[in-house]
Protein backbone atom coordinates (compact mmCIF):
# COMPACT_ATOMS: atom_id res chain seq x y z
CA MET A 1 78.44 158.91 123.71
CA LYS A 2 78.76 155.38 124.80
CA ASN A 3 74.85 154.62 124.16
CA ILE A 4 75.45 156.11 120.35
CA ILE A 5 78.95 153.35 119.92
CA LYS A 6 76.85 151.02 121.17
CA TYR A 7 73.77 151.46 118.79
CA ALA A 8 76.14 152.24 115.88
CA ALA A 9 77.84 149.02 116.90
CA LEU A 10 74.27 147.05 116.70
CA LEU A 11 73.85 148.66 113.58
CA LEU A 12 76.53 147.36 111.67
CA VAL A 13 75.89 144.47 112.42
CA ILE A 14 72.12 144.16 111.19
CA ALA A 15 73.29 145.63 108.13
CA SER A 16 76.65 142.65 107.82
CA LEU A 17 74.01 139.91 108.60
CA PHE A 18 71.18 141.09 106.38
CA LEU A 19 74.25 141.74 103.84
CA GLN A 20 75.10 137.77 103.98
CA SER A 21 71.93 136.33 103.72
CA CYS A 22 71.03 138.16 100.48
CA SER A 23 74.30 136.81 99.22
CA THR A 24 73.97 133.71 99.83
CA ALA A 25 70.29 133.66 98.58
CA ASN A 26 71.87 134.92 95.59
CA ASP A 27 74.99 132.73 95.66
CA ASN A 28 72.41 130.04 95.88
CA LYS A 29 70.20 130.85 93.03
CA VAL A 30 73.56 131.35 90.85
CA ALA A 31 74.19 127.43 91.84
CA GLU A 32 70.88 125.90 91.09
CA LYS A 33 71.27 127.86 87.91
CA ASN A 34 74.56 125.97 86.88
CA THR A 35 73.56 122.70 88.06
CA GLN A 36 70.39 123.02 84.93
CA GLU A 37 72.92 124.19 83.01
CA THR A 38 75.59 121.47 83.35
CA ALA A 39 72.16 118.23 84.06
CA ILE A 40 71.70 119.31 80.21
CA LYS A 41 75.35 119.37 79.34
CA GLU A 42 76.76 116.06 78.20
CA PRO A 43 77.63 113.70 80.99
CA VAL A 44 81.45 114.10 81.71
CA LYS A 45 83.23 111.05 81.73
CA ILE A 46 86.32 110.66 83.73
CA THR A 47 89.02 107.85 83.88
CA VAL A 48 89.26 105.67 86.84
CA MET A 49 92.31 104.05 88.19
CA ASN A 50 92.37 100.40 89.78
CA PRO A 51 94.90 100.66 92.48
CA ALA A 52 95.26 96.29 92.12
CA ILE A 53 98.93 95.37 91.31
CA ALA A 54 98.78 94.04 87.58
CA ASN A 55 101.46 92.12 87.73
CA PRO A 56 101.41 88.64 90.76
CA PHE A 57 103.69 89.14 93.41
CA VAL A 58 106.94 86.95 93.20
CA ASP A 59 107.62 83.93 95.34
CA ARG A 60 109.19 84.99 98.14
CA VAL A 61 112.66 82.78 99.04
CA ALA A 62 113.54 82.42 102.62
CA LEU A 63 116.49 83.01 103.91
CA THR A 64 119.48 80.06 104.47
CA GLU A 65 119.23 78.29 108.30
CA ARG A 66 121.98 80.83 110.91
CA LEU A 67 124.82 79.21 111.18
CA ASP A 68 126.32 77.89 114.89
CA THR A 69 130.07 80.09 114.66
CA LEU A 70 131.49 81.67 112.03
CA ASP A 71 135.25 79.94 112.72
CA GLY A 72 136.27 78.13 110.39
CA LYS A 73 133.63 79.74 107.69
CA THR A 74 134.02 81.79 104.57
CA LEU A 75 132.21 85.51 105.13
CA TYR A 76 132.31 87.28 101.75
CA LEU A 77 131.65 90.99 101.34
CA VAL A 78 130.17 92.65 98.82
CA ASP A 79 129.68 95.79 97.04
CA ILE A 80 127.18 95.96 94.73
CA ASN A 81 128.72 99.62 93.43
CA TRP A 82 125.55 101.89 94.24
CA GLY A 83 126.80 105.11 94.84
CA GLY A 84 130.07 104.41 92.54
CA PRO A 85 132.49 102.79 93.26
CA ASP A 86 134.18 104.15 96.74
CA ALA A 87 130.51 104.27 98.02
CA ALA A 88 130.76 100.92 100.41
CA TYR A 89 134.27 99.36 99.47
CA GLY A 90 135.84 101.32 102.40
CA VAL A 91 133.39 100.48 105.21
CA PHE A 92 133.93 96.66 103.61
CA GLU A 93 137.72 97.30 104.39
CA GLU A 94 136.76 98.10 107.86
CA MET A 95 135.07 95.12 108.55
CA GLU A 96 137.52 93.47 107.01
CA ILE A 97 140.08 95.08 109.43
CA TRP A 98 137.59 94.32 112.34
CA PHE A 99 137.01 90.40 111.84
CA ASN A 100 140.76 90.27 111.79
CA GLU A 101 141.27 91.55 114.91
CA ASN A 102 138.74 90.25 116.30
CA MET A 103 137.57 86.80 114.74
CA PRO A 104 140.60 86.21 113.33
CA LYS A 105 139.95 82.27 112.53
CA VAL A 106 136.58 84.24 110.30
CA ASN A 107 138.09 83.81 106.79
CA VAL A 108 136.96 87.57 104.96
CA VAL A 109 136.76 87.71 101.34
CA VAL A 110 135.74 91.33 99.88
CA LYS A 111 133.97 91.66 96.34
CA ARG A 112 132.98 94.72 94.37
CA LYS A 113 130.36 93.16 92.27
CA ALA A 114 130.97 93.69 88.42
CA GLY A 115 128.87 96.60 86.48
CA SER A 116 125.83 98.11 88.01
CA TYR A 117 124.27 97.65 91.03
CA MET A 118 121.29 96.79 89.06
CA ALA A 119 123.08 94.45 86.66
CA ASP A 120 123.95 90.51 87.45
CA ASP A 121 127.19 89.21 88.30
CA PRO A 122 126.45 85.07 87.92
CA ALA A 123 130.20 84.35 88.39
CA LEU A 124 130.42 86.19 91.45
CA TRP A 125 127.63 84.63 93.23
CA LYS A 126 128.51 80.53 91.98
CA GLU A 127 131.81 81.36 93.51
CA ILE A 128 129.99 82.42 96.48
CA GLY A 129 127.48 79.70 96.54
CA GLU A 130 131.28 77.03 95.84
CA LYS A 131 133.32 79.32 98.25
CA GLY A 132 131.61 80.97 100.57
CA HIS A 133 129.58 80.09 104.19
CA ALA A 134 127.81 83.36 104.44
CA ALA A 135 127.57 86.88 102.65
CA LEU A 136 126.98 90.78 103.49
CA ILE A 137 125.22 91.78 100.59
CA GLY A 138 124.80 95.28 99.88
CA VAL A 139 124.98 99.16 100.41
CA SER A 140 127.08 100.86 102.83
CA GLY A 141 129.10 104.18 103.37
C-alpha cells in the first residue's frame, strides 16, 4: 500500500511539472504576440516630472547672538495663534509665572500675534525690536 501511495505521488508531481511547462510555453507565446501587436501601434507618450525645485531657495538669515544673561532684559513670549486662541497662550502664561518665581530680574511680556498664524504682524515685530532683548515665538500647548 505504501508503494502505491509513493507511485501516485510521483505521478502527480510529474503531471504537475508537465502541465506547468505547457502553461509557461503558452504564456510566452501570448506575451510574444502582445509584444508584436504593441510594436505595430503608435508609441505611447509618457510624462516625466522633474523633481528639481522650480523656485530658488530663500536667503537664510542668521540667528542673533546669544545673550550673556537674561537679568535686566525683556523677554517676549509670542503666541502665533496656531491651533486657536487658547492653544498656546496658557503655556506662555505658565512660563511667565516660572520666570517670575525663578528669574525675577527678567521682564517677561506675553503677547498674542494679531491675525492668523500665517498673517504678518509688523506692529508686534517693531515693538519687539524696539523694546525686547529676546523672544520665544511659536507654537505650544
